[in-house]
PDB file of N, CA and C in Angstrom:
ATOM      1  N   ARG A   1       6.287  -4.383 -23.745  1.00  0.00           N
ATOM      2  CA  ARG A   1       5.688  -5.310 -22.782  1.00  0.00           C
ATOM      3  C   ARG A   1       5.910  -4.818 -21.343  1.00  0.00           C
ATOM      4  N   ASN A   2       7.071  -4.264 -21.051  1.00  0.00           N
ATOM      5  CA  ASN A   2       7.349  -3.767 -19.704  1.00  0.00           C
ATOM      6  C   ASN A   2       6.417  -2.637 -19.295  1.00  0.00           C
ATOM      7  N   GLN A   3       6.174  -1.723 -20.246  1.00  0.00           N
ATOM      8  CA  GLN A   3       5.272  -0.612 -19.956  1.00  0.00           C
ATOM      9  C   GLN A   3       3.856  -1.117 -19.724  1.00  0.00           C
ATOM     10  N   GLU A   4       3.454  -2.088 -20.510  1.00  0.00           N
ATOM     11  CA  GLU A   4       2.120  -2.670 -20.371  1.00  0.00           C
ATOM     12  C   GLU A   4       1.974  -3.374 -19.011  1.00  0.00           C
ATOM     13  N   LEU A   5       2.991  -4.129 -18.626  1.00  0.00           N
ATOM     14  CA  LEU A   5       2.983  -4.829 -17.343  1.00  0.00           C
ATOM     15  C   LEU A   5       2.894  -3.819 -16.189  1.00  0.00           C
ATOM     16  N   THR A   6       3.639  -2.738 -16.302  1.00  0.00           N
ATOM     17  CA  THR A   6       3.621  -1.689 -15.276  1.00  0.00           C
ATOM     18  C   THR A   6       2.235  -1.063 -15.183  1.00  0.00           C
ATOM     19  N   LYS A   7       1.647  -0.782 -16.324  1.00  0.00           N
ATOM     20  CA  LYS A   7       0.307  -0.183 -16.372  1.00  0.00           C
ATOM     21  C   LYS A   7      -0.718  -1.134 -15.748  1.00  0.00           C
ATOM     22  N   GLU A   8      -0.636  -2.415 -16.102  1.00  0.00           N
ATOM     23  CA  GLU A   8      -1.560  -3.413 -15.562  1.00  0.00           C
ATOM     24  C   GLU A   8      -1.386  -3.558 -14.046  1.00  0.00           C
ATOM     25  N   PHE A   9      -0.124  -3.546 -13.596  1.00  0.00           N
ATOM     26  CA  PHE A   9       0.148  -3.639 -12.160  1.00  0.00           C
ATOM     27  C   PHE A   9      -0.493  -2.467 -11.423  1.00  0.00           C
ATOM     28  N   LYS A  10      -0.308  -1.270 -11.934  1.00  0.00           N
ATOM     29  CA  LYS A  10      -0.863  -0.080 -11.268  1.00  0.00           C
ATOM     30  C   LYS A  10      -2.391  -0.135 -11.235  1.00  0.00           C
ATOM     31  N   SER A  11      -2.971  -0.649 -12.285  1.00  0.00           N
ATOM     32  CA  SER A  11      -4.416  -0.799 -12.341  1.00  0.00           C
ATOM     33  C   SER A  11      -4.902  -1.803 -11.284  1.00  0.00           C
ATOM     34  N   LEU A  12      -4.227  -2.943 -11.203  1.00  0.00           N
ATOM     35  CA  LEU A  12      -4.574  -3.946 -10.188  1.00  0.00           C
ATOM     36  C   LEU A  12      -4.368  -3.389  -8.781  1.00  0.00           C
ATOM     37  N   LEU A  13      -3.292  -2.652  -8.603  1.00  0.00           N
ATOM     38  CA  LEU A  13      -2.965  -2.074  -7.305  1.00  0.00           C
ATOM     39  C   LEU A  13      -4.104  -1.173  -6.838  1.00  0.00           C
ATOM     40  N   SER A  14      -4.625  -0.367  -7.730  1.00  0.00           N
ATOM     41  CA  SER A  14      -5.720   0.531  -7.334  1.00  0.00           C
ATOM     42  C   SER A  14      -6.993  -0.254  -6.999  1.00  0.00           C
ATOM     43  N   LEU A  15      -7.164  -1.396  -7.618  1.00  0.00           N
ATOM     44  CA  LEU A  15      -8.350  -2.224  -7.346  1.00  0.00           C
ATOM     45  C   LEU A  15      -8.241  -2.987  -6.028  1.00  0.00           C
ATOM     46  N   TYR A  16      -7.056  -3.493  -5.727  1.00  0.00           N
ATOM     47  CA  TYR A  16      -6.897  -4.438  -4.621  1.00  0.00           C
ATOM     48  C   TYR A  16      -6.120  -3.903  -3.421  1.00  0.00           C
ATOM     49  N   ILE A  17      -5.742  -2.634  -3.414  1.00  0.00           N
ATOM     50  CA  ILE A  17      -4.888  -2.132  -2.348  1.00  0.00           C
ATOM     51  C   ILE A  17      -5.506  -2.319  -0.957  1.00  0.00           C
ATOM     52  N   LEU A  18      -6.820  -2.279  -0.861  1.00  0.00           N
ATOM     53  CA  LEU A  18      -7.452  -2.460   0.448  1.00  0.00           C
ATOM     54  C   LEU A  18      -7.377  -3.902   0.941  1.00  0.00           C
ATOM     55  N   GLN A  19      -7.168  -4.842   0.015  1.00  0.00           N
ATOM     56  CA  GLN A  19      -7.131  -6.245   0.428  1.00  0.00           C
ATOM     57  C   GLN A  19      -5.750  -6.887   0.397  1.00  0.00           C
ATOM     58  N   GLN A  20      -4.881  -6.424  -0.494  1.00  0.00           N
ATOM     59  CA  GLN A  20      -3.639  -7.161  -0.762  1.00  0.00           C
ATOM     60  C   GLN A  20      -2.397  -6.288  -0.745  1.00  0.00           C
ATOM     61  N   ARG A  21      -1.383  -6.743   0.004  1.00  0.00           N
ATOM     62  CA  ARG A  21      -0.072  -6.099  -0.008  1.00  0.00           C
ATOM     63  C   ARG A  21       1.025  -7.096  -0.399  1.00  0.00           C
ATOM     64  N   ASN A  22       0.620  -8.212  -0.958  1.00  0.00           N
ATOM     65  CA  ASN A  22       1.555  -9.291  -1.278  1.00  0.00           C
ATOM     66  C   ASN A  22       1.955  -9.248  -2.758  1.00  0.00           C
ATOM     67  N   VAL A  23       3.253  -9.143  -3.018  1.00  0.00           N
ATOM     68  CA  VAL A  23       3.750  -9.088  -4.397  1.00  0.00           C
ATOM     69  C   VAL A  23       3.306 -10.320  -5.174  1.00  0.00           C
ATOM     70  N   GLY A  24       3.327 -11.475  -4.533  1.00  0.00           N
ATOM     71  CA  GLY A  24       2.932 -12.724  -5.180  1.00  0.00           C
ATOM     72  C   GLY A  24       1.520 -12.676  -5.718  1.00  0.00           C
ATOM     73  N   PHE A  25       0.618 -12.028  -4.995  1.00  0.00           N
ATOM     74  CA  PHE A  25      -0.778 -11.891  -5.436  1.00  0.00           C
ATOM     75  C   PHE A  25      -0.829 -11.172  -6.781  1.00  0.00           C
ATOM     76  N   TYR A  26      -0.138 -10.037  -6.865  1.00  0.00           N
ATOM     77  CA  TYR A  26      -0.157  -9.241  -8.097  1.00  0.00           C
ATOM     78  C   TYR A  26       0.565  -9.971  -9.242  1.00  0.00           C
ATOM     79  N   ALA A  27       1.657 -10.615  -8.918  1.00  0.00           N
ATOM     80  CA  ALA A  27       2.403 -11.362  -9.931  1.00  0.00           C
ATOM     81  C   ALA A  27       1.531 -12.472 -10.525  1.00  0.00           C
ATOM     82  N   GLU A  28       0.817 -13.169  -9.647  1.00  0.00           N
ATOM     83  CA  GLU A  28      -0.061 -14.248 -10.110  1.00  0.00           C
ATOM     84  C   GLU A  28      -1.162 -13.701 -11.022  1.00  0.00           C
ATOM     85  N   LYS A  29      -1.761 -12.591 -10.620  1.00  0.00           N
ATOM     86  CA  LYS A  29      -2.806 -11.965 -11.450  1.00  0.00           C
ATOM     87  C   LYS A  29      -2.266 -11.577 -12.828  1.00  0.00           C
ATOM     88  N   LEU A  30      -0.985 -11.225 -12.881  1.00  0.00           N
ATOM     89  CA  LEU A  30      -0.368 -10.786 -14.133  1.00  0.00           C
ATOM     90  C   LEU A  30       0.340 -11.923 -14.871  1.00  0.00           C
ATOM     91  N   SER A  31       0.267 -13.122 -14.311  1.00  0.00           N
ATOM     92  CA  SER A  31       0.894 -14.316 -14.906  1.00  0.00           C
ATOM     93  C   SER A  31       2.398 -14.169 -15.095  1.00  0.00           C
ATOM     94  N   VAL A  32       3.053 -13.587 -14.115  1.00  0.00           N
ATOM     95  CA  VAL A  32       4.522 -13.482 -14.120  1.00  0.00           C
ATOM     96  C   VAL A  32       5.020 -13.876 -12.726  1.00  0.00           C
ATOM     97  N   SER A  33       6.314 -14.093 -12.615  1.00  0.00           N
ATOM     98  CA  SER A  33       6.874 -14.407 -11.301  1.00  0.00           C
ATOM     99  C   SER A  33       7.021 -13.115 -10.489  1.00  0.00           C
ATOM    100  N   PRO A  34       6.993 -13.221  -9.169  1.00  0.00           N
ATOM    101  CA  PRO A  34       7.200 -12.029  -8.338  1.00  0.00           C
ATOM    102  C   PRO A  34       8.531 -11.334  -8.658  1.00  0.00           C
ATOM    103  N   LYS A  35       9.551 -12.136  -8.928  1.00  0.00           N
ATOM    104  CA  LYS A  35      10.867 -11.566  -9.244  1.00  0.00           C
ATOM    105  C   LYS A  35      10.817 -10.765 -10.547  1.00  0.00           C
ATOM    106  N   HIS A  36      10.180 -11.334 -11.558  1.00  0.00           N
ATOM    107  CA  HIS A  36      10.063 -10.644 -12.859  1.00  0.00           C
ATOM    108  C   HIS A  36       9.270  -9.348 -12.693  1.00  0.00           C
ATOM    109  N   LEU A  37       8.175  -9.428 -11.942  1.00  0.00           N
ATOM    110  CA  LEU A  37       7.351  -8.238 -11.716  1.00  0.00           C
ATOM    111  C   LEU A  37       8.189  -7.139 -11.048  1.00  0.00           C
ATOM    112  N   SER A  38       8.889  -7.493  -9.997  1.00  0.00           N
ATOM    113  CA  SER A  38       9.691  -6.491  -9.272  1.00  0.00           C
ATOM    114  C   SER A  38      10.788  -5.906 -10.148  1.00  0.00           C
ATOM    115  N   GLN A  39      11.471  -6.765 -10.904  1.00  0.00           N
ATOM    116  CA  GLN A  39      12.546  -6.279 -11.787  1.00  0.00           C
ATOM    117  C   GLN A  39      12.002  -5.344 -12.862  1.00  0.00           C
ATOM    118  N   THR A  40      10.872  -5.699 -13.438  1.00  0.00           N
ATOM    119  CA  THR A  40      10.257  -4.871 -14.475  1.00  0.00           C
ATOM    120  C   THR A  40       9.840  -3.523 -13.902  1.00  0.00           C
ATOM    121  N   LEU A  41       9.181  -3.551 -12.746  1.00  0.00           N
ATOM    122  CA  LEU A  41       8.738  -2.303 -12.121  1.00  0.00           C
ATOM    123  C   LEU A  41       9.928  -1.423 -11.741  1.00  0.00           C
ATOM    124  N   LYS A  42      10.990  -2.059 -11.271  1.00  0.00           N
ATOM    125  CA  LYS A  42      12.202  -1.314 -10.899  1.00  0.00           C
ATOM    126  C   LYS A  42      12.771  -0.605 -12.131  1.00  0.00           C
ATOM    127  N   GLN A  43      12.809  -1.311 -13.267  1.00  0.00           N
ATOM    128  CA  GLN A  43      13.299  -0.718 -14.516  1.00  0.00           C
ATOM    129  C   GLN A  43      12.413   0.437 -14.983  1.00  0.00           C
ATOM    130  N   GLU A  44      11.107   0.233 -14.897  1.00  0.00           N
ATOM    131  CA  GLU A  44      10.141   1.204 -15.437  1.00  0.00           C
ATOM    132  C   GLU A  44       9.906   2.408 -14.515  1.00  0.00           C
ATOM    133  N   THR A  45       9.914   2.150 -13.196  1.00  0.00           N
ATOM    134  CA  THR A  45       9.530   3.218 -12.257  1.00  0.00           C
ATOM    135  C   THR A  45      10.647   3.628 -11.304  1.00  0.00           C
ATOM    136  N   GLY A  46      11.686   2.789 -11.209  1.00  0.00           N
ATOM    137  CA  GLY A  46      12.734   3.045 -10.233  1.00  0.00           C
ATOM    138  C   GLY A  46      12.407   2.495  -8.859  1.00  0.00           C
ATOM    139  N   HIS A  47      11.243   1.839  -8.730  1.00  0.00           N
ATOM    140  CA  HIS A  47      10.817   1.281  -7.442  1.00  0.00           C
ATOM    141  C   HIS A  47      10.423  -0.184  -7.610  1.00  0.00           C
ATOM    142  N   SER A  48      10.677  -0.969  -6.567  1.00  0.00           N
ATOM    143  CA  SER A  48      10.283  -2.379  -6.595  1.00  0.00           C
ATOM    144  C   SER A  48       8.769  -2.493  -6.395  1.00  0.00           C
ATOM    145  N   ALA A  49       8.249  -3.690  -6.636  1.00  0.00           N
ATOM    146  CA  ALA A  49       6.824  -3.933  -6.414  1.00  0.00           C
ATOM    147  C   ALA A  49       6.471  -3.687  -4.947  1.00  0.00           C
ATOM    148  N   THR A  50       7.312  -4.165  -4.053  1.00  0.00           N
ATOM    149  CA  THR A  50       7.070  -3.979  -2.618  1.00  0.00           C
ATOM    150  C   THR A  50       6.995  -2.497  -2.264  1.00  0.00           C
ATOM    151  N   ALA A  51       7.919  -1.709  -2.799  1.00  0.00           N
ATOM    152  CA  ALA A  51       7.940  -0.273  -2.511  1.00  0.00           C
ATOM    153  C   ALA A  51       6.681   0.413  -3.057  1.00  0.00           C
ATOM    154  N   LEU A  52       6.253   0.027  -4.246  1.00  0.00           N
ATOM    155  CA  LEU A  52       5.047   0.623  -4.840  1.00  0.00           C
ATOM    156  C   LEU A  52       3.792   0.243  -4.056  1.00  0.00           C
ATOM    157  N   ILE A  53       3.747  -1.000  -3.589  1.00  0.00           N
ATOM    158  CA  ILE A  53       2.611  -1.449  -2.780  1.00  0.00           C
ATOM    159  C   ILE A  53       2.600  -0.676  -1.450  1.00  0.00           C
ATOM    160  N   SER A  54       3.760  -0.511  -0.850  1.00  0.00           N
ATOM    161  CA  SER A  54       3.855   0.248   0.406  1.00  0.00           C
ATOM    162  C   SER A  54       3.415   1.692   0.221  1.00  0.00           C
ATOM    163  N   LYS A  55       3.900   2.316  -0.859  1.00  0.00           N
ATOM    164  CA  LYS A  55       3.510   3.710  -1.141  1.00  0.00           C
ATOM    165  C   LYS A  55       2.002   3.830  -1.276  1.00  0.00           C
ATOM    166  N   ALA A  56       1.408   2.924  -2.030  1.00  0.00           N
ATOM    167  CA  ALA A  56      -0.035   2.957  -2.260  1.00  0.00           C
ATOM    168  C   ALA A  56      -0.799   2.712  -0.957  1.00  0.00           C
ATOM    169  N   THR A  57      -0.313   1.800  -0.145  1.00  0.00           N
ATOM    170  CA  THR A  57      -0.955   1.509   1.146  1.00  0.00           C
ATOM    171  C   THR A  57      -0.926   2.726   2.050  1.00  0.00           C
ATOM    172  N   ILE A  58       0.231   3.373   2.142  1.00  0.00           N
ATOM    173  CA  ILE A  58       0.361   4.559   3.001  1.00  0.00           C
ATOM    174  C   ILE A  58      -0.494   5.700   2.460  1.00  0.00           C
ATOM    175  N   LEU A  59      -0.511   5.868   1.163  1.00  0.00           N
ATOM    176  CA  LEU A  59      -1.346   6.919   0.571  1.00  0.00           C
ATOM    177  C   LEU A  59      -2.815   6.677   0.908  1.00  0.00           C
ATOM    178  N   GLU A  60      -3.254   5.444   0.772  1.00  0.00           N
ATOM    179  CA  GLU A  60      -4.641   5.091   1.099  1.00  0.00           C
ATOM    180  C   GLU A  60      -4.899   5.296   2.589  1.00  0.00           C
ATOM    181  N   ALA A  61      -3.950   4.912   3.428  1.00  0.00           N
ATOM    182  CA  ALA A  61      -4.094   5.101   4.878  1.00  0.00           C
ATOM    183  C   ALA A  61      -4.243   6.588   5.211  1.00  0.00           C
ATOM    184  N   LYS A  62      -3.432   7.418   4.579  1.00  0.00           N
ATOM    185  CA  LYS A  62      -3.508   8.863   4.844  1.00  0.00           C
ATOM    186  C   LYS A  62      -4.856   9.439   4.436  1.00  0.00           C
ATOM    187  N   VAL A  63      -5.392   8.953   3.327  1.00  0.00           N
ATOM    188  CA  VAL A  63      -6.716   9.409   2.889  1.00  0.00           C
ATOM    189  C   VAL A  63      -7.763   8.977   3.920  1.00  0.00           C
ATOM    190  N   LEU A  64      -7.703   7.718   4.340  1.00  0.00           N
ATOM    191  CA  LEU A  64      -8.675   7.204   5.306  1.00  0.00           C
ATOM    192  C   LEU A  64      -8.549   7.908   6.653  1.00  0.00           C
ATOM    193  N   LEU A  65      -7.335   8.230   7.053  1.00  0.00           N
ATOM    194  CA  LEU A  65      -7.115   8.903   8.346  1.00  0.00           C
ATOM    195  C   LEU A  65      -7.702  10.311   8.371  1.00  0.00           C
ATOM    196  N   GLN A  66      -7.938  10.889   7.206  1.00  0.00           N
ATOM    197  CA  GLN A  66      -8.552  12.214   7.152  1.00  0.00           C
ATOM    198  C   GLN A  66     -10.019  12.171   7.584  1.00  0.00           C
ATOM    199  N   ASP A  67     -10.619  10.995   7.506  1.00  0.00           N
ATOM    200  CA  ASP A  67     -12.013  10.831   7.924  1.00  0.00           C
ATOM    201  C   ASP A  67     -12.025  10.550   9.424  1.00  0.00           C
ATOM    202  N   VAL A  68     -12.216  11.588  10.221  1.00  0.00           N
ATOM    203  CA  VAL A  68     -12.133  11.448  11.675  1.00  0.00           C
ATOM    204  C   VAL A  68     -13.304  10.656  12.258  1.00  0.00           C
ATOM    205  N   SER A  69     -14.324  10.366  11.445  1.00  0.00           N
ATOM    206  CA  SER A  69     -15.406   9.522  11.950  1.00  0.00           C
ATOM    207  C   SER A  69     -14.971   8.057  12.022  1.00  0.00           C
ATOM    208  N   MET A  70     -13.866   7.732  11.354  1.00  0.00           N
ATOM    209  CA  MET A  70     -13.304   6.379  11.409  1.00  0.00           C
ATOM    210  C   MET A  70     -12.243   6.334  12.499  1.00  0.00           C
ATOM    211  N   SER A  71     -12.288   5.309  13.331  1.00  0.00           N
ATOM    212  CA  SER A  71     -11.216   5.144  14.318  1.00  0.00           C
ATOM    213  C   SER A  71      -9.955   4.671  13.589  1.00  0.00           C
ATOM    214  N   ILE A  72      -8.839   4.824  14.244  1.00  0.00           N
ATOM    215  CA  ILE A  72      -7.577   4.350  13.647  1.00  0.00           C
ATOM    216  C   ILE A  72      -7.636   2.832  13.473  1.00  0.00           C
ATOM    217  N   ALA A  73      -8.271   2.160  14.413  1.00  0.00           N
ATOM    218  CA  ALA A  73      -8.435   0.699  14.284  1.00  0.00           C
ATOM    219  C   ALA A  73      -9.254   0.370  13.032  1.00  0.00           C
ATOM    220  N   GLN A  74     -10.334   1.124  12.781  1.00  0.00           N
ATOM    221  CA  GLN A  74     -11.153   0.885  11.590  1.00  0.00           C
ATOM    222  C   GLN A  74     -10.345   1.105  10.314  1.00  0.00           C
ATOM    223  N   VAL A  75      -9.486   2.120  10.317  1.00  0.00           N
ATOM    224  CA  VAL A  75      -8.630   2.367   9.159  1.00  0.00           C
ATOM    225  C   VAL A  75      -7.741   1.151   8.913  1.00  0.00           C
ATOM    226  N   GLY A  76      -7.144   0.643   9.981  1.00  0.00           N
ATOM    227  CA  GLY A  76      -6.292  -0.552   9.862  1.00  0.00           C
ATOM    228  C   GLY A  76      -7.046  -1.746   9.321  1.00  0.00           C
ATOM    229  N   TYR A  77      -8.242  -1.980   9.849  1.00  0.00           N
ATOM    230  CA  TYR A  77      -9.047  -3.107   9.373  1.00  0.00           C
ATOM    231  C   TYR A  77      -9.471  -2.907   7.922  1.00  0.00           C
ATOM    232  N   THR A  78      -9.793  -1.676   7.550  1.00  0.00           N
ATOM    233  CA  THR A  78     -10.176  -1.370   6.166  1.00  0.00           C
ATOM    234  C   THR A  78      -9.039  -1.714   5.212  1.00  0.00           C
ATOM    235  N   LEU A  79      -7.807  -1.523   5.676  1.00  0.00           N
ATOM    236  CA  LEU A  79      -6.628  -1.834   4.870  1.00  0.00           C
ATOM    237  C   LEU A  79      -6.174  -3.289   5.035  1.00  0.00           C
ATOM    238  N   SER A  80      -7.008  -4.103   5.666  1.00  0.00           N
ATOM    239  CA  SER A  80      -6.771  -5.539   5.829  1.00  0.00           C
ATOM    240  C   SER A  80      -5.594  -5.883   6.734  1.00  0.00           C
ATOM    241  N   PHE A  81      -5.307  -5.034   7.705  1.00  0.00           N
ATOM    242  CA  PHE A  81      -4.323  -5.407   8.719  1.00  0.00           C
ATOM    243  C   PHE A  81      -5.040  -6.278   9.742  1.00  0.00           C
ATOM    244  N   LYS A  82      -4.317  -7.236  10.313  1.00  0.00           N
ATOM    245  CA  LYS A  82      -4.930  -8.175  11.255  1.00  0.00           C
ATOM    246  C   LYS A  82      -5.410  -7.496  12.533  1.00  0.00           C
ATOM    247  N   ASN A  83      -4.670  -6.461  12.940  1.00  0.00           N
ATOM    248  CA  ASN A  83      -5.058  -5.751  14.159  1.00  0.00           C
ATOM    249  C   ASN A  83      -4.501  -4.324  14.125  1.00  0.00           C
ATOM    250  N   PRO A  84      -5.041  -3.446  14.983  1.00  0.00           N
ATOM    251  CA  PRO A  84      -4.601  -2.047  14.982  1.00  0.00           C
ATOM    252  C   PRO A  84      -3.113  -1.879  15.261  1.00  0.00           C
ATOM    253  N   SER A  85      -2.566  -2.731  16.093  1.00  0.00           N
ATOM    254  CA  SER A  85      -1.146  -2.650  16.426  1.00  0.00           C
ATOM    255  C   SER A  85      -0.276  -2.885  15.185  1.00  0.00           C
ATOM    256  N   GLN A  86      -0.646  -3.891  14.402  1.00  0.00           N
ATOM    257  CA  GLN A  86       0.096  -4.196  13.172  1.00  0.00           C
ATOM    258  C   GLN A  86       0.034  -3.006  12.215  1.00  0.00           C
ATOM    259  N   PHE A  87      -1.144  -2.401  12.089  1.00  0.00           N
ATOM    260  CA  PHE A  87      -1.288  -1.229  11.234  1.00  0.00           C
ATOM    261  C   PHE A  87      -0.415  -0.084  11.753  1.00  0.00           C
ATOM    262  N   GLY A  88      -0.473   0.177  13.043  1.00  0.00           N
ATOM    263  CA  GLY A  88       0.310   1.269  13.632  1.00  0.00           C
ATOM    264  C   GLY A  88       1.800   1.095  13.396  1.00  0.00           C
ATOM    265  N   LYS A  89       2.297  -0.119  13.582  1.00  0.00           N
ATOM    266  CA  LYS A  89       3.728  -0.400  13.376  1.00  0.00           C
ATOM    267  C   LYS A  89       4.104  -0.218  11.909  1.00  0.00           C
ATOM    268  N   TYR A  90       3.262  -0.701  11.014  1.00  0.00           N
ATOM    269  CA  TYR A  90       3.513  -0.578   9.572  1.00  0.00           C
ATOM    270  C   TYR A  90       3.559   0.893   9.182  1.00  0.00           C
ATOM    271  N   PHE A  91       2.540   1.647   9.609  1.00  0.00           N
ATOM    272  CA  PHE A  91       2.451   3.064   9.261  1.00  0.00           C
ATOM    273  C   PHE A  91       3.674   3.813   9.786  1.00  0.00           C
ATOM    274  N   LYS A  92       4.040   3.550  11.028  1.00  0.00           N
ATOM    275  CA  LYS A  92       5.184   4.251  11.619  1.00  0.00           C
ATOM    276  C   LYS A  92       6.492   3.870  10.913  1.00  0.00           C
ATOM    277  N   SER A  93       6.611   2.612  10.522  1.00  0.00           N
ATOM    278  CA  SER A  93       7.850   2.177   9.850  1.00  0.00           C
ATOM    279  C   SER A  93       8.017   2.864   8.491  1.00  0.00           C
ATOM    280  N   LYS A  94       6.906   3.232   7.867  1.00  0.00           N
ATOM    281  CA  LYS A  94       6.954   3.852   6.540  1.00  0.00           C
ATOM    282  C   LYS A  94       6.965   5.381   6.595  1.00  0.00           C
ATOM    283  N   THR A  95       6.427   5.960   7.669  1.00  0.00           N
ATOM    284  CA  THR A  95       6.275   7.419   7.717  1.00  0.00           C
ATOM    285  C   THR A  95       7.030   8.096   8.864  1.00  0.00           C
ATOM    286  N   SER A  96       7.535   7.311   9.784  1.00  0.00           N
ATOM    287  CA  SER A  96       8.238   7.793  10.981  1.00  0.00           C
ATOM    288  C   SER A  96       7.330   8.432  12.023  1.00  0.00           C
ATOM    289  N   ILE A  97       6.022   8.418  11.785  1.00  0.00           N
ATOM    290  CA  ILE A  97       5.069   8.878  12.802  1.00  0.00           C
ATOM    291  C   ILE A  97       3.922   7.874  12.905  1.00  0.00           C
ATOM    292  N   THR A  98       3.233   7.894  14.033  1.00  0.00           N
ATOM    293  CA  THR A  98       2.106   6.969  14.207  1.00  0.00           C
ATOM    294  C   THR A  98       0.881   7.504  13.479  1.00  0.00           C
ATOM    295  N   PRO A  99      -0.098   6.641  13.217  1.00  0.00           N
ATOM    296  CA  PRO A  99      -1.335   7.120  12.596  1.00  0.00           C
ATOM    297  C   PRO A  99      -1.987   8.237  13.430  1.00  0.00           C
ATOM    298  N   ASN A 100      -1.932   8.098  14.734  1.00  0.00           N
ATOM    299  CA  ASN A 100      -2.515   9.100  15.618  1.00  0.00           C
ATOM    300  C   ASN A 100      -1.791  10.442  15.484  1.00  0.00           C
ATOM    301  N   GLU A 101      -0.467  10.403  15.430  1.00  0.00           N
ATOM    302  CA  GLU A 101       0.309  11.635  15.246  1.00  0.00           C
ATOM    303  C   GLU A 101      -0.010  12.265  13.888  1.00  0.00           C
ATOM    304  N   TYR A 102      -0.149  11.442  12.871  1.00  0.00           N
ATOM    305  CA  TYR A 102      -0.496  11.945  11.537  1.00  0.00           C
ATOM    306  C   TYR A 102      -1.852  12.641  11.592  1.00  0.00           C
ATOM    307  N   ARG A 103      -2.803  11.998  12.219  1.00  0.00           N
ATOM    308  CA  ARG A 103      -4.147  12.575  12.305  1.00  0.00           C
ATOM    309  C   ARG A 103      -4.129  13.892  13.092  1.00  0.00           C
ATOM    310  N   LYS A 104      -3.372  13.943  14.176  1.00  0.00           N
ATOM    311  CA  LYS A 104      -3.273  15.175  14.986  1.00  0.00           C
ATOM    312  C   LYS A 104      -2.683  16.324  14.150  1.00  0.00           C
ATOM    313  N   LYS A 105      -1.680  16.023  13.333  1.00  0.00           N
ATOM    314  CA  LYS A 105      -1.084  17.038  12.460  1.00  0.00           C
ATOM    315  C   LYS A 105      -2.121  17.607  11.498  1.00  0.00           C
ATOM    316  N   LEU A 106      -2.995  16.719  10.996  1.00  0.00           N
ATOM    317  CA  LEU A 106      -4.044  17.141  10.067  1.00  0.00           C
ATOM    318  C   LEU A 106      -5.003  18.134  10.722  1.00  0.00           C
ATOM    319  N   LEU A 107      -5.250  17.925  11.987  1.00  0.00           N
ATOM    320  CA  LEU A 107      -6.251  18.717  12.689  1.00  0.00           C
ATOM    321  C   LEU A 107      -5.720  20.046  13.213  1.00  0.00           C
ATOM    322  N   LEU A 108      -4.419  20.276  13.084  1.00  0.00           N
ATOM    323  CA  LEU A 108      -3.834  21.545  13.564  1.00  0.00           C
ATOM    324  C   LEU A 108      -4.209  22.707  12.678  1.00  0.00           C
TER     325      LEU A 108
END
């Protein structure tokens, strides 16, 4: 059951990553409590639900940032951040660099 739950979570994550970063959302979709979901994922993957959601969000952000026709603000909005500043702070907190710095590194 744990492996199945993990597989279902990853599937949902790939579907909803652009809209949802809330553990409760995924737990509800899977008919389990957020605590149970996180504990199961931690056992199966070594990472909590929050950590897996963050990883997926940053991975998606990095992919979107490669498209230089999109502004950094558009990338943030695409990932359902309320504003570009919120996206920038989130990205920097997870990667230690700003989205703009990441994009500049890509272009070198």
